[in-house]
């Protein structure tokens, strides 16, 4: 797809969601996509290769929280946990503008190196990249409970994801969780796990993406209380022993006591519906 057609299609798709994109924003997003495609020959950044598919599946999808403008402050610190190729953090930063600082968290060093390069080539001021596990960053006093907003897209089931992200969010801040069609079952199964790390599920919205018609869900988690000092647990443990247990549902009583509690050891390992 030619640049002009892609940018106009992006602008129209965003407008259908109530998001106004400037010509500068569509240009930068096109440039980002070219960087992703070029780097994708060496680093596994995304399985999407087609221009039109990326426009919907990556860029319009990333911008969905901006369709809910009443839920967004005018400035602050945004943390993108598990940023990968920069989705959703880079599209959000491009559209939100320079009043927002952005931290892109990506543990895979090759992907983090790409993010550094992309932020530089796109001249995105106030963007920092950390090649580090979220579990470690959440215990770093420089970042713990500092973010006004965190975002996480296609990262993990909800009880795992909130243990990664909520320790980074200040009390009163927000976590936006991007999910697919089966999301409501997952969220209902993990509500108590969300509370265990200081959050409450405050809103949910269903979207059909322009052009593709793909179903997406956005969930808003508000940080109501400080995250207990036991969280996040050591790297790998949130995914190995998820807070809501191997099958989702109610977390075992006492889970929030930490990784050595007997209750947590009964949680076991594995996927489940959460």
C-alpha atoms as a PDB file:
ATOM      1  CA  UNK A   1       0.000   0.000   0.000  1.00  0.00           C
ATOM      2  CA  UNK A   2       1.304   3.455  -0.896  1.00  0.00           C
ATOM      3  CA  UNK A   3       2.073   5.891   1.884  1.00  0.00           C
ATOM      4  CA  UNK A   4      -0.656   8.395   1.027  1.00  0.00           C
ATOM      5  CA  UNK A   5      -3.354   5.731   0.899  1.00  0.00           C
ATOM      6  CA  UNK A   6      -2.193   4.160   4.173  1.00  0.00           C
ATOM      7  CA  UNK A   7      -2.119   7.471   6.003  1.00  0.00           C
ATOM      8  CA  UNK A   8      -5.567   8.514   4.744  1.00  0.00           C
ATOM      9  CA  UNK A   9      -7.023   5.131   5.661  1.00  0.00           C
ATOM     10  CA  UNK A  10      -5.493   5.435   9.131  1.00  0.00           C
ATOM     11  CA  UNK A  11      -6.922   8.931   9.546  1.00  0.00           C
ATOM     12  CA  UNK A  12     -10.402   7.797   8.502  1.00  0.00           C
ATOM     13  CA  UNK A  13     -10.322   4.724  10.706  1.00  0.00           C
ATOM     14  CA  UNK A  14      -9.266   6.791  13.711  1.00  0.00           C
ATOM     15  CA  UNK A  15     -11.961   9.379  12.967  1.00  0.00           C
ATOM     16  CA  UNK A  16     -14.586   6.623  13.026  1.00  0.00           C
ATOM     17  CA  UNK A  17     -13.468   5.970  16.606  1.00  0.00           C
ATOM     18  CA  UNK A  18     -13.614   9.657  17.513  1.00  0.00           C
ATOM     19  CA  UNK A  19      -9.826  10.148  17.380  1.00  0.00           C
ATOM     20  CA  UNK A  20      -8.470  13.103  15.413  1.00  0.00           C
ATOM     21  CA  UNK A  21      -5.068  12.424  13.834  1.00  0.00           C
ATOM     22  CA  UNK A  22      -2.955  15.282  12.532  1.00  0.00           C
ATOM     23  CA  UNK A  23      -0.942  14.920   9.304  1.00  0.00           C
ATOM     24  CA  UNK A  24       2.226  14.893  11.424  1.00  0.00           C
ATOM     25  CA  UNK A  25       0.879  11.986  13.494  1.00  0.00           C
ATOM     26  CA  UNK A  26      -0.058   9.874  10.458  1.00  0.00           C
ATOM     27  CA  UNK A  27       3.373  10.572   8.953  1.00  0.00           C
ATOM     28  CA  UNK A  28       5.193   9.458  12.096  1.00  0.00           C
ATOM     29  CA  UNK A  29       3.080   6.329  12.409  1.00  0.00           C
ATOM     30  CA  UNK A  30       3.828   5.427   8.788  1.00  0.00           C
ATOM     31  CA  UNK A  31       7.527   5.973   9.479  1.00  0.00           C
ATOM     32  CA  UNK A  32       7.310   3.732  12.537  1.00  0.00           C
ATOM     33  CA  UNK A  33       5.703   0.980  10.467  1.00  0.00           C
ATOM     34  CA  UNK A  34       8.508   1.218   7.897  1.00  0.00           C
ATOM     35  CA  UNK A  35      11.048   0.826  10.707  1.00  0.00           C
ATOM     36  CA  UNK A  36       9.157  -2.199  12.069  1.00  0.00           C
ATOM     37  CA  UNK A  37       9.092  -3.855   8.637  1.00  0.00           C
ATOM     38  CA  UNK A  38      12.761  -3.190   7.994  1.00  0.00           C
ATOM     39  CA  UNK A  39      13.865  -4.447  11.424  1.00  0.00           C
ATOM     40  CA  UNK A  40      11.561  -7.449  11.093  1.00  0.00           C
ATOM     41  CA  UNK A  41      14.002  -9.007   8.662  1.00  0.00           C
ATOM     42  CA  UNK A  42      16.424  -9.457  11.573  1.00  0.00           C
ATOM     43  CA  UNK A  43      14.281  -9.447  14.731  1.00  0.00           C
ATOM     44  CA  UNK A  44      10.929 -11.150  15.297  1.00  0.00           C
ATOM     45  CA  UNK A  45       8.874  -8.055  16.087  1.00  0.00           C
ATOM     46  CA  UNK A  46       5.455  -8.994  14.677  1.00  0.00           C
ATOM     47  CA  UNK A  47       3.785 -11.700  12.651  1.00  0.00           C
ATOM     48  CA  UNK A  48       1.861  -9.046  10.690  1.00  0.00           C
ATOM     49  CA  UNK A  49       3.501  -8.170   7.366  1.00  0.00           C
ATOM     50  CA  UNK A  50       0.697  -6.612   5.323  1.00  0.00           C
ATOM     51  CA  UNK A  51       0.366  -2.808   5.401  1.00  0.00           C
ATOM     52  CA  UNK A  52      -3.431  -2.806   5.609  1.00  0.00           C
ATOM     53  CA  UNK A  53      -3.512  -5.481   8.317  1.00  0.00           C
ATOM     54  CA  UNK A  54      -0.944  -3.603  10.415  1.00  0.00           C
ATOM     55  CA  UNK A  55      -2.926  -0.382  10.107  1.00  0.00           C
ATOM     56  CA  UNK A  56      -5.874  -2.043  11.839  1.00  0.00           C
ATOM     57  CA  UNK A  57      -4.340  -4.746  14.024  1.00  0.00           C
ATOM     58  CA  UNK A  58      -1.497  -2.623  15.396  1.00  0.00           C
ATOM     59  CA  UNK A  59      -2.106   1.109  14.977  1.00  0.00           C
ATOM     60  CA  UNK A  60      -5.872   1.556  15.332  1.00  0.00           C
ATOM     61  CA  UNK A  61      -5.878  -1.128  18.013  1.00  0.00           C
ATOM     62  CA  UNK A  62      -3.120   0.692  19.940  1.00  0.00           C
ATOM     63  CA  UNK A  63      -5.061   3.952  19.860  1.00  0.00           C
ATOM     64  CA  UNK A  64      -8.348   2.560  21.210  1.00  0.00           C
ATOM     65  CA  UNK A  65      -8.000   4.070  24.726  1.00  0.00           C
ATOM     66  CA  UNK A  66      -7.961   7.531  23.141  1.00  0.00           C
ATOM     67  CA  UNK A  67     -11.518   6.934  21.956  1.00  0.00           C
ATOM     68  CA  UNK A  68     -12.408   7.348  25.665  1.00  0.00           C
ATOM     69  CA  UNK A  69     -11.048  10.851  26.144  1.00  0.00           C
ATOM     70  CA  UNK A  70     -12.819  11.459  29.416  1.00  0.00           C
ATOM     71  CA  UNK A  71     -10.623   8.786  30.978  1.00  0.00           C
ATOM     72  CA  UNK A  72      -7.293  10.420  30.018  1.00  0.00           C
ATOM     73  CA  UNK A  73      -5.386  13.142  31.879  1.00  0.00           C
ATOM     74  CA  UNK A  74      -3.698  15.845  29.785  1.00  0.00           C
ATOM     75  CA  UNK A  75      -0.134  14.869  30.736  1.00  0.00           C
ATOM     76  CA  UNK A  76       1.900  12.427  32.770  1.00  0.00           C
ATOM     77  CA  UNK A  77       4.083   9.330  32.644  1.00  0.00           C
ATOM     78  CA  UNK A  78       2.928   6.418  30.491  1.00  0.00           C
ATOM     79  CA  UNK A  79       4.514   2.964  30.917  1.00  0.00           C
ATOM     80  CA  UNK A  80       4.134   0.346  28.190  1.00  0.00           C
ATOM     81  CA  UNK A  81       4.841  -3.080  29.696  1.00  0.00           C
ATOM     82  CA  UNK A  82       6.092  -5.646  27.186  1.00  0.00           C
ATOM     83  CA  UNK A  83       6.321  -3.089  24.399  1.00  0.00           C
ATOM     84  CA  UNK A  84       7.746  -5.368  21.687  1.00  0.00           C
ATOM     85  CA  UNK A  85       7.782  -3.351  18.467  1.00  0.00           C
ATOM     86  CA  UNK A  86       6.395  -0.328  20.324  1.00  0.00           C
ATOM     87  CA  UNK A  87       2.698  -1.226  20.414  1.00  0.00           C
ATOM     88  CA  UNK A  88       0.817   0.467  21.966  1.00  0.00           C
ATOM     89  CA  UNK A  89       3.336   2.858  23.547  1.00  0.00           C
ATOM     90  CA  UNK A  90       4.742   4.545  20.450  1.00  0.00           C
ATOM     91  CA  UNK A  91       1.398   5.198  18.688  1.00  0.00           C
ATOM     92  CA  UNK A  92      -0.005   6.571  21.952  1.00  0.00           C
ATOM     93  CA  UNK A  93       2.999   8.864  22.449  1.00  0.00           C
ATOM     94  CA  UNK A  94       2.781  10.133  18.870  1.00  0.00           C
ATOM     95  CA  UNK A  95      -0.860  11.098  19.288  1.00  0.00           C
ATOM     96  CA  UNK A  96      -0.759  12.287  22.919  1.00  0.00           C
ATOM     97  CA  UNK A  97       2.180  14.578  22.206  1.00  0.00           C
ATOM     98  CA  UNK A  98       5.154  15.938  24.108  1.00  0.00           C
ATOM     99  CA  UNK A  99       3.265  16.553  27.374  1.00  0.00           C
ATOM    100  CA  UNK A 100       3.573  12.822  28.013  1.00  0.00           C
ATOM    101  CA  UNK A 101       6.751  11.005  29.034  1.00  0.00           C
ATOM    102  CA  UNK A 102       6.857   7.356  28.003  1.00  0.00           C
ATOM    103  CA  UNK A 103       8.736   4.380  29.404  1.00  0.00           C
ATOM    104  CA  UNK A 104       8.896   1.391  27.052  1.00  0.00           C
ATOM    105  CA  UNK A 105       9.628  -1.795  29.011  1.00  0.00           C
ATOM    106  CA  UNK A 106      10.937  -4.699  26.928  1.00  0.00           C
ATOM    107  CA  UNK A 107      12.995  -7.530  28.413  1.00  0.00           C
ATOM    108  CA  UNK A 108      14.236  -8.889  25.057  1.00  0.00           C
ATOM    109  CA  UNK A 109      17.376  -6.890  24.326  1.00  0.00           C
ATOM    110  CA  UNK A 110      17.115  -7.010  20.527  1.00  0.00           C
ATOM    111  CA  UNK A 111      13.598  -5.631  20.710  1.00  0.00           C
ATOM    112  CA  UNK A 112      14.656  -2.989  23.239  1.00  0.00           C
ATOM    113  CA  UNK A 113      17.475  -1.947  20.889  1.00  0.00           C
ATOM    114  CA  UNK A 114      14.916  -1.529  18.110  1.00  0.00           C
ATOM    115  CA  UNK A 115      12.761   0.645  20.380  1.00  0.00           C
ATOM    116  CA  UNK A 116      15.750   2.883  21.151  1.00  0.00           C
ATOM    117  CA  UNK A 117      16.442   3.308  17.464  1.00  0.00           C
ATOM    118  CA  UNK A 118      12.798   3.930  16.576  1.00  0.00           C
ATOM    119  CA  UNK A 119      12.329   6.587  19.271  1.00  0.00           C
ATOM    120  CA  UNK A 120      15.452   8.349  18.006  1.00  0.00           C
ATOM    121  CA  UNK A 121      14.555   8.234  14.325  1.00  0.00           C
ATOM    122  CA  UNK A 122      11.019   9.424  15.044  1.00  0.00           C
ATOM    123  CA  UNK A 123      12.399  12.259  17.216  1.00  0.00           C
ATOM    124  CA  UNK A 124      10.130  11.309  20.115  1.00  0.00           C
ATOM    125  CA  UNK A 125      11.293  13.367  23.076  1.00  0.00           C
ATOM    126  CA  UNK A 126      10.658  12.074  26.569  1.00  0.00           C
ATOM    127  CA  UNK A 127      10.738   8.403  25.546  1.00  0.00           C
ATOM    128  CA  UNK A 128      12.938   6.043  27.566  1.00  0.00           C
ATOM    129  CA  UNK A 129      13.523   2.341  26.938  1.00  0.00           C
ATOM    130  CA  UNK A 130      14.404  -0.186  29.658  1.00  0.00           C
ATOM    131  CA  UNK A 131      15.625  -3.664  28.650  1.00  0.00           C
ATOM    132  CA  UNK A 132      14.524  -5.219  31.920  1.00  0.00           C
ATOM    133  CA  UNK A 133      11.993  -7.615  33.386  1.00  0.00           C
ATOM    134  CA  UNK A 134       8.875  -5.882  34.666  1.00  0.00           C
ATOM    135  CA  UNK A 135       9.175  -7.820  37.933  1.00  0.00           C
ATOM    136  CA  UNK A 136      12.535  -6.155  38.611  1.00  0.00           C
ATOM    137  CA  UNK A 137      11.449  -2.710  37.483  1.00  0.00           C
ATOM    138  CA  UNK A 138       8.450  -2.883  39.801  1.00  0.00           C
ATOM    139  CA  UNK A 139      10.822  -3.126  42.766  1.00  0.00           C
ATOM    140  CA  UNK A 140      13.029  -0.257  41.604  1.00  0.00           C
ATOM    141  CA  UNK A 141      12.314   2.845  43.677  1.00  0.00           C
ATOM    142  CA  UNK A 142      12.913   5.007  40.622  1.00  0.00           C
ATOM    143  CA  UNK A 143       9.846   3.547  38.900  1.00  0.00           C
ATOM    144  CA  UNK A 144       7.678   1.834  41.516  1.00  0.00           C
ATOM    145  CA  UNK A 145       4.285   3.555  41.802  1.00  0.00           C
ATOM    146  CA  UNK A 146       5.390   6.452  39.562  1.00  0.00           C
ATOM    147  CA  UNK A 147       3.309   5.984  36.402  1.00  0.00           C
ATOM    148  CA  UNK A 148       0.088   7.889  35.816  1.00  0.00           C
ATOM    149  CA  UNK A 149      -0.976   5.354  33.198  1.00  0.00           C
ATOM    150  CA  UNK A 150       0.270   1.897  32.235  1.00  0.00           C
ATOM    151  CA  UNK A 151      -0.731  -0.070  29.155  1.00  0.00           C
ATOM    152  CA  UNK A 152      -0.341  -3.757  28.358  1.00  0.00           C
ATOM    153  CA  UNK A 153      -1.343  -5.403  25.093  1.00  0.00           C
ATOM    154  CA  UNK A 154      -1.273  -9.110  24.201  1.00  0.00           C
ATOM    155  CA  UNK A 155       1.053  -9.797  27.117  1.00  0.00           C
ATOM    156  CA  UNK A 156      -0.399 -12.356  29.542  1.00  0.00           C
ATOM    157  CA  UNK A 157      -3.563 -13.402  31.299  1.00  0.00           C
ATOM    158  CA  UNK A 158      -4.937 -10.720  33.587  1.00  0.00           C
ATOM    159  CA  UNK A 159      -3.715 -11.937  36.982  1.00  0.00           C
ATOM    160  CA  UNK A 160      -0.177 -12.222  35.600  1.00  0.00           C
ATOM    161  CA  UNK A 161      -0.371  -8.912  33.796  1.00  0.00           C
ATOM    162  CA  UNK A 162      -1.501  -6.881  36.812  1.00  0.00           C
ATOM    163  CA  UNK A 163       1.382  -8.235  38.866  1.00  0.00           C
ATOM    164  CA  UNK A 164       3.749  -6.984  36.147  1.00  0.00           C
ATOM    165  CA  UNK A 165       2.140  -3.583  35.639  1.00  0.00           C
ATOM    166  CA  UNK A 166       0.272  -2.327  38.724  1.00  0.00           C
ATOM    167  CA  UNK A 167       3.368  -2.026  40.962  1.00  0.00           C
ATOM    168  CA  UNK A 168       4.561   0.635  38.482  1.00  0.00           C
ATOM    169  CA  UNK A 169       1.332   2.688  38.734  1.00  0.00           C
ATOM    170  CA  UNK A 170       0.771   5.357  41.364  1.00  0.00           C
ATOM    171  CA  UNK A 171      -2.280   5.232  43.621  1.00  0.00           C
ATOM    172  CA  UNK A 172      -5.043   6.935  41.645  1.00  0.00           C
ATOM    173  CA  UNK A 173      -3.418   5.980  38.344  1.00  0.00           C
ATOM    174  CA  UNK A 174      -4.756   3.684  35.639  1.00  0.00           C
ATOM    175  CA  UNK A 175      -3.880   0.523  33.796  1.00  0.00           C
ATOM    176  CA  UNK A 176      -5.378  -0.056  30.349  1.00  0.00           C
ATOM    177  CA  UNK A 177      -5.564  -3.741  29.418  1.00  0.00           C
ATOM    178  CA  UNK A 178      -6.081  -4.726  25.764  1.00  0.00           C
ATOM    179  CA  UNK A 179      -7.845  -8.055  25.284  1.00  0.00           C
ATOM    180  CA  UNK A 180      -9.557 -10.164  22.629  1.00  0.00           C
ATOM    181  CA  UNK A 181     -13.068 -11.622  22.255  1.00  0.00           C
ATOM    182  CA  UNK A 182     -13.030 -13.952  25.307  1.00  0.00           C
ATOM    183  CA  UNK A 183     -11.884 -11.242  27.676  1.00  0.00           C
ATOM    184  CA  UNK A 184     -14.970 -10.959  29.878  1.00  0.00           C
ATOM    185  CA  UNK A 185     -14.605 -14.548  31.150  1.00  0.00           C
ATOM    186  CA  UNK A 186     -10.954 -13.897  31.940  1.00  0.00           C
ATOM    187  CA  UNK A 187     -11.606 -10.653  33.778  1.00  0.00           C
ATOM    188  CA  UNK A 188     -14.456 -12.086  35.853  1.00  0.00           C
ATOM    189  CA  UNK A 189     -12.178 -14.946  36.919  1.00  0.00           C
ATOM    190  CA  UNK A 190      -9.370 -12.619  38.001  1.00  0.00           C
ATOM    191  CA  UNK A 191     -11.088  -9.817  39.920  1.00  0.00           C
ATOM    192  CA  UNK A 192      -9.746 -10.867  43.312  1.00  0.00           C
ATOM    193  CA  UNK A 193      -6.231 -11.189  41.909  1.00  0.00           C
ATOM    194  CA  UNK A 194      -6.494  -7.601  40.667  1.00  0.00           C
ATOM    195  CA  UNK A 195      -7.524  -6.478  44.170  1.00  0.00           C
ATOM    196  CA  UNK A 196      -4.596  -8.356  45.717  1.00  0.00           C
ATOM    197  CA  UNK A 197      -2.112  -6.016  43.999  1.00  0.00           C
ATOM    198  CA  UNK A 198      -4.070  -2.840  44.757  1.00  0.00           C
ATOM    199  CA  UNK A 199      -6.410  -2.465  41.795  1.00  0.00           C
ATOM    200  CA  UNK A 200     -10.097  -2.489  40.963  1.00  0.00           C
ATOM    201  CA  UNK A 201     -11.643  -3.114  37.549  1.00  0.00           C
ATOM    202  CA  UNK A 202     -13.388   0.194  36.863  1.00  0.00           C
ATOM    203  CA  UNK A 203     -14.643  -0.091  33.303  1.00  0.00           C
ATOM    204  CA  UNK A 204     -14.880  -2.222  30.207  1.00  0.00           C
ATOM    205  CA  UNK A 205     -15.541  -1.345  26.588  1.00  0.00           C
ATOM    206  CA  UNK A 206     -16.098  -3.459  23.484  1.00  0.00           C
ATOM    207  CA  UNK A 207     -14.869  -2.241  20.084  1.00  0.00           C
ATOM    208  CA  UNK A 208     -15.127  -3.493  16.519  1.00  0.00           C
ATOM    209  CA  UNK A 209     -11.990  -2.382  14.703  1.00  0.00           C
ATOM    210  CA  UNK A 210     -12.507  -0.322  11.544  1.00  0.00           C
ATOM    211  CA  UNK A 211     -12.002  -2.168   8.248  1.00  0.00           C
ATOM    212  CA  UNK A 212     -11.389  -5.629   9.727  1.00  0.00           C
ATOM    213  CA  UNK A 213     -14.341  -5.772  12.132  1.00  0.00           C
ATOM    214  CA  UNK A 214     -12.130  -7.546  14.677  1.00  0.00           C
ATOM    215  CA  UNK A 215     -13.523  -7.583  18.223  1.00  0.00           C
ATOM    216  CA  UNK A 216     -11.429  -5.952  20.945  1.00  0.00           C
ATOM    217  CA  UNK A 217     -12.018  -5.288  24.618  1.00  0.00           C
ATOM    218  CA  UNK A 218     -10.464  -2.587  26.750  1.00  0.00           C
ATOM    219  CA  UNK A 219     -10.470  -2.858  30.523  1.00  0.00           C
ATOM    220  CA  UNK A 220      -9.649  -0.031  32.874  1.00  0.00           C
ATOM    221  CA  UNK A 221      -8.004  -0.983  36.163  1.00  0.00           C
ATOM    222  CA  UNK A 222      -7.731   1.821  38.717  1.00  0.00           C
ATOM    223  CA  UNK A 223      -4.958   1.725  41.305  1.00  0.00           C
ATOM    224  CA  UNK A 224      -6.935   2.149  44.533  1.00  0.00           C
ATOM    225  CA  UNK A 225      -4.335   1.108  47.116  1.00  0.00           C
ATOM    226  CA  UNK A 226      -0.552   0.786  47.319  1.00  0.00           C
ATOM    227  CA  UNK A 227       0.710  -2.521  46.000  1.00  0.00           C
ATOM    228  CA  UNK A 228       1.759  -4.767  48.915  1.00  0.00           C
ATOM    229  CA  UNK A 229       5.505  -5.129  49.302  1.00  0.00           C
ATOM    230  CA  UNK A 230       5.295  -8.827  48.369  1.00  0.00           C
ATOM    231  CA  UNK A 231       4.586  -7.846  44.738  1.00  0.00           C
ATOM    232  CA  UNK A 232       5.855  -8.243  42.167  1.00  0.00           C
ATOM    233  CA  UNK A 233       7.342 -11.603  42.988  1.00  0.00           C
ATOM    234  CA  UNK A 234      10.690 -12.680  41.571  1.00  0.00           C
ATOM    235  CA  UNK A 235      11.083 -12.940  37.781  1.00  0.00           C
ATOM    236  CA  UNK A 236       9.156 -15.820  36.254  1.00  0.00           C
ATOM    237  CA  UNK A 237       7.020 -16.559  39.303  1.00  0.00           C
ATOM    238  CA  UNK A 238       3.939 -14.500  38.299  1.00  0.00           C
ATOM    239  CA  UNK A 239       3.554 -16.552  35.122  1.00  0.00           C
ATOM    240  CA  UNK A 240       4.547 -19.861  36.723  1.00  0.00           C
ATOM    241  CA  UNK A 241       2.255 -19.422  39.736  1.00  0.00           C
ATOM    242  CA  UNK A 242      -0.503 -16.970  38.703  1.00  0.00           C
ATOM    243  CA  UNK A 243      -2.389 -15.284  41.514  1.00  0.00           C
ATOM    244  CA  UNK A 244      -5.783 -16.664  40.486  1.00  0.00           C
ATOM    245  CA  UNK A 245      -4.490 -20.241  40.375  1.00  0.00           C
ATOM    246  CA  UNK A 246      -4.037 -22.651  37.475  1.00  0.00           C
ATOM    247  CA  UNK A 247      -7.667 -22.479  36.343  1.00  0.00           C
ATOM    248  CA  UNK A 248      -8.481 -18.865  37.089  1.00  0.00           C
ATOM    249  CA  UNK A 249     -11.352 -18.307  39.498  1.00  0.00           C
ATOM    250  CA  UNK A 250     -10.889 -17.134  43.052  1.00  0.00           C
ATOM    251  CA  UNK A 251      -7.323 -16.723  44.315  1.00  0.00           C
ATOM    252  CA  UNK A 252      -6.373 -18.997  47.174  1.00  0.00           C
ATOM    253  CA  UNK A 253      -6.671 -17.237  50.549  1.00  0.00           C
ATOM    254  CA  UNK A 254      -3.331 -15.880  51.648  1.00  0.00           C
ATOM    255  CA  UNK A 255      -1.771 -15.549  48.192  1.00  0.00           C
ATOM    256  CA  UNK A 256      -0.819 -11.940  48.854  1.00  0.00           C
ATOM    257  CA  UNK A 257       1.490 -13.006  51.685  1.00  0.00           C
ATOM    258  CA  UNK A 258       4.253 -13.668  49.180  1.00  0.00           C
ATOM    259  CA  UNK A 259       6.063 -16.386  47.279  1.00  0.00           C
ATOM    260  CA  UNK A 260       6.823 -18.575  50.278  1.00  0.00           C
ATOM    261  CA  UNK A 261       3.310 -18.840  51.666  1.00  0.00           C
ATOM    262  CA  UNK A 262       1.705 -22.278  51.818  1.00  0.00           C
ATOM    263  CA  UNK A 263      -1.419 -20.927  50.152  1.00  0.00           C
ATOM    264  CA  UNK A 264       0.532 -19.811  47.112  1.00  0.00           C
ATOM    265  CA  UNK A 265       2.317 -23.146  46.812  1.00  0.00           C
ATOM    266  CA  UNK A 266      -1.089 -24.793  46.406  1.00  0.00           C
ATOM    267  CA  UNK A 267      -1.821 -22.609  43.378  1.00  0.00           C
ATOM    268  CA  UNK A 268       0.210 -24.824  41.078  1.00  0.00           C
ATOM    269  CA  UNK A 269       1.287 -24.005  37.543  1.00  0.00           C
ATOM    270  CA  UNK A 270      -0.382 -23.479  34.202  1.00  0.00           C
ATOM    271  CA  UNK A 271      -2.818 -21.786  31.901  1.00  0.00           C
ATOM    272  CA  UNK A 272      -6.508 -21.898  32.723  1.00  0.00           C
ATOM    273  CA  UNK A 273      -9.265 -19.645  31.470  1.00  0.00           C
ATOM    274  CA  UNK A 274      -8.047 -16.447  33.117  1.00  0.00           C
END
